[in-house]
Amino acid sequence: MDLKITTPRSDDYSEYARRVRGGTAGVRSRAGERGELVRHEVGERMFDLVTEYFPEEYRERRRAELTRAFGTGLAVGFLGRELVRYARR
């Protein structure tokens, strides 16, 4: 019984290393996408629970955010109008 054991060439090693690196990059990107999906789902579920169990606090916070957004919109509109006036001079 004669066994022929051949040692791999350096080209074989580099090809194997390239394939392993390429495979792990794909796995990592898929895992990252999956993690983002899970975080998004958990966030949605938490939001649903907060609105269900704390409706008064949710309404107050929402009203405050809308008021702040409206004030910011007014400020941006005013500054934009003044910049247009200044540019026309």
Protein backbone atom coordinates (compact mmCIF):
# COMPACT_ATOMS: atom_id res chain seq x y z
CA MET A 1 0.00 0.00 0.00
CA ASP A 2 1.62 3.13 -1.23
CA LEU A 3 0.17 6.42 -0.05
CA LYS A 4 1.03 9.50 -2.00
CA ILE A 5 0.79 12.56 0.18
CA THR A 6 1.33 15.77 -1.66
CA THR A 7 1.88 19.04 0.05
CA PRO A 8 -0.24 21.92 -1.16
CA ARG A 9 1.44 24.64 -3.10
CA SER A 10 1.47 28.23 -1.86
CA ASP A 11 -1.02 29.14 -4.60
CA ASP A 12 -3.48 26.68 -3.08
CA TYR A 13 -3.06 28.28 0.33
CA SER A 14 -3.71 31.78 -0.97
CA GLU A 15 -6.79 30.62 -2.91
CA TYR A 16 -8.14 28.89 0.18
CA ALA A 17 -7.46 31.96 2.33
CA ARG A 18 -9.21 34.21 -0.21
CA ARG A 19 -12.28 31.98 -0.25
CA VAL A 20 -12.42 31.82 3.54
CA ARG A 21 -12.10 35.61 3.85
CA GLY A 22 -14.75 36.15 1.20
CA GLY A 23 -17.11 33.75 2.90
CA THR A 24 -16.75 35.35 6.32
CA ALA A 25 -17.39 38.80 4.89
CA GLY A 26 -20.67 37.61 3.42
CA VAL A 27 -21.64 35.94 6.68
CA ARG A 28 -20.81 39.09 8.62
CA SER A 29 -22.85 41.30 6.32
CA ARG A 30 -25.82 38.94 6.53
CA ALA A 31 -25.49 38.83 10.32
CA GLY A 32 -25.36 42.63 10.41
CA GLU A 33 -28.49 42.87 8.29
CA ARG A 34 -30.23 40.34 10.50
CA GLY A 35 -29.19 42.30 13.60
CA GLU A 36 -30.60 45.51 12.14
CA LEU A 37 -33.87 43.76 11.35
CA VAL A 38 -34.12 42.38 14.90
CA ARG A 39 -33.37 45.81 16.42
CA HIS A 40 -36.03 47.38 14.22
CA GLU A 41 -38.61 44.78 15.24
CA VAL A 42 -37.77 45.17 18.94
CA GLY A 43 -38.08 48.94 18.61
CA GLU A 44 -41.49 48.63 16.99
CA ARG A 45 -42.70 46.25 19.68
CA MET A 46 -41.44 48.53 22.45
CA PHE A 47 -43.18 51.50 20.83
CA ASP A 48 -46.43 49.54 20.63
CA LEU A 49 -46.16 48.57 24.31
CA VAL A 50 -45.43 52.14 25.41
CA THR A 51 -48.42 53.51 23.50
CA GLU A 52 -50.63 50.76 24.92
CA TYR A 53 -49.60 50.91 28.57
CA PHE A 54 -48.74 54.62 28.90
CA PRO A 55 -51.15 56.49 26.60
CA GLU A 56 -51.13 59.78 28.57
CA GLU A 57 -47.34 59.99 28.64
CA TYR A 58 -47.21 59.12 24.95
CA ARG A 59 -49.68 61.89 24.06
CA GLU A 60 -47.77 64.44 26.15
CA ARG A 61 -44.44 63.49 24.60
CA ARG A 62 -45.91 63.49 21.09
CA ARG A 63 -47.47 66.92 21.64
CA ALA A 64 -44.15 68.28 22.93
CA GLU A 65 -42.28 66.86 19.93
CA LEU A 66 -44.81 68.31 17.49
CA THR A 67 -44.61 71.70 19.20
CA ARG A 68 -40.82 71.62 19.04
CA ALA A 69 -40.89 70.61 15.36
CA PHE A 70 -43.38 73.38 14.56
CA GLY A 71 -41.19 75.96 16.33
CA THR A 72 -38.13 74.72 14.47
CA GLY A 73 -40.03 74.98 11.18
CA LEU A 74 -41.01 78.56 11.96
CA ALA A 75 -37.42 79.46 12.83
CA VAL A 76 -36.03 77.87 9.66
CA GLY A 77 -38.69 79.58 7.54
CA PHE A 78 -37.95 82.97 9.11
CA LEU A 79 -34.19 82.57 8.64
CA GLY A 80 -34.67 81.40 5.07
CA ARG A 81 -36.84 84.41 4.28
CA GLU A 82 -34.28 86.77 5.79
CA LEU A 83 -31.45 85.13 3.82
CA VAL A 84 -33.41 85.55 0.58
CA ARG A 85 -34.07 89.20 1.42
CA TYR A 86 -30.36 89.69 2.22
CA ALA A 87 -29.30 88.02 -1.05
CA ARG A 88 -31.57 90.29 -3.11
CA ARG A 89 -29.94 93.49 -1.85
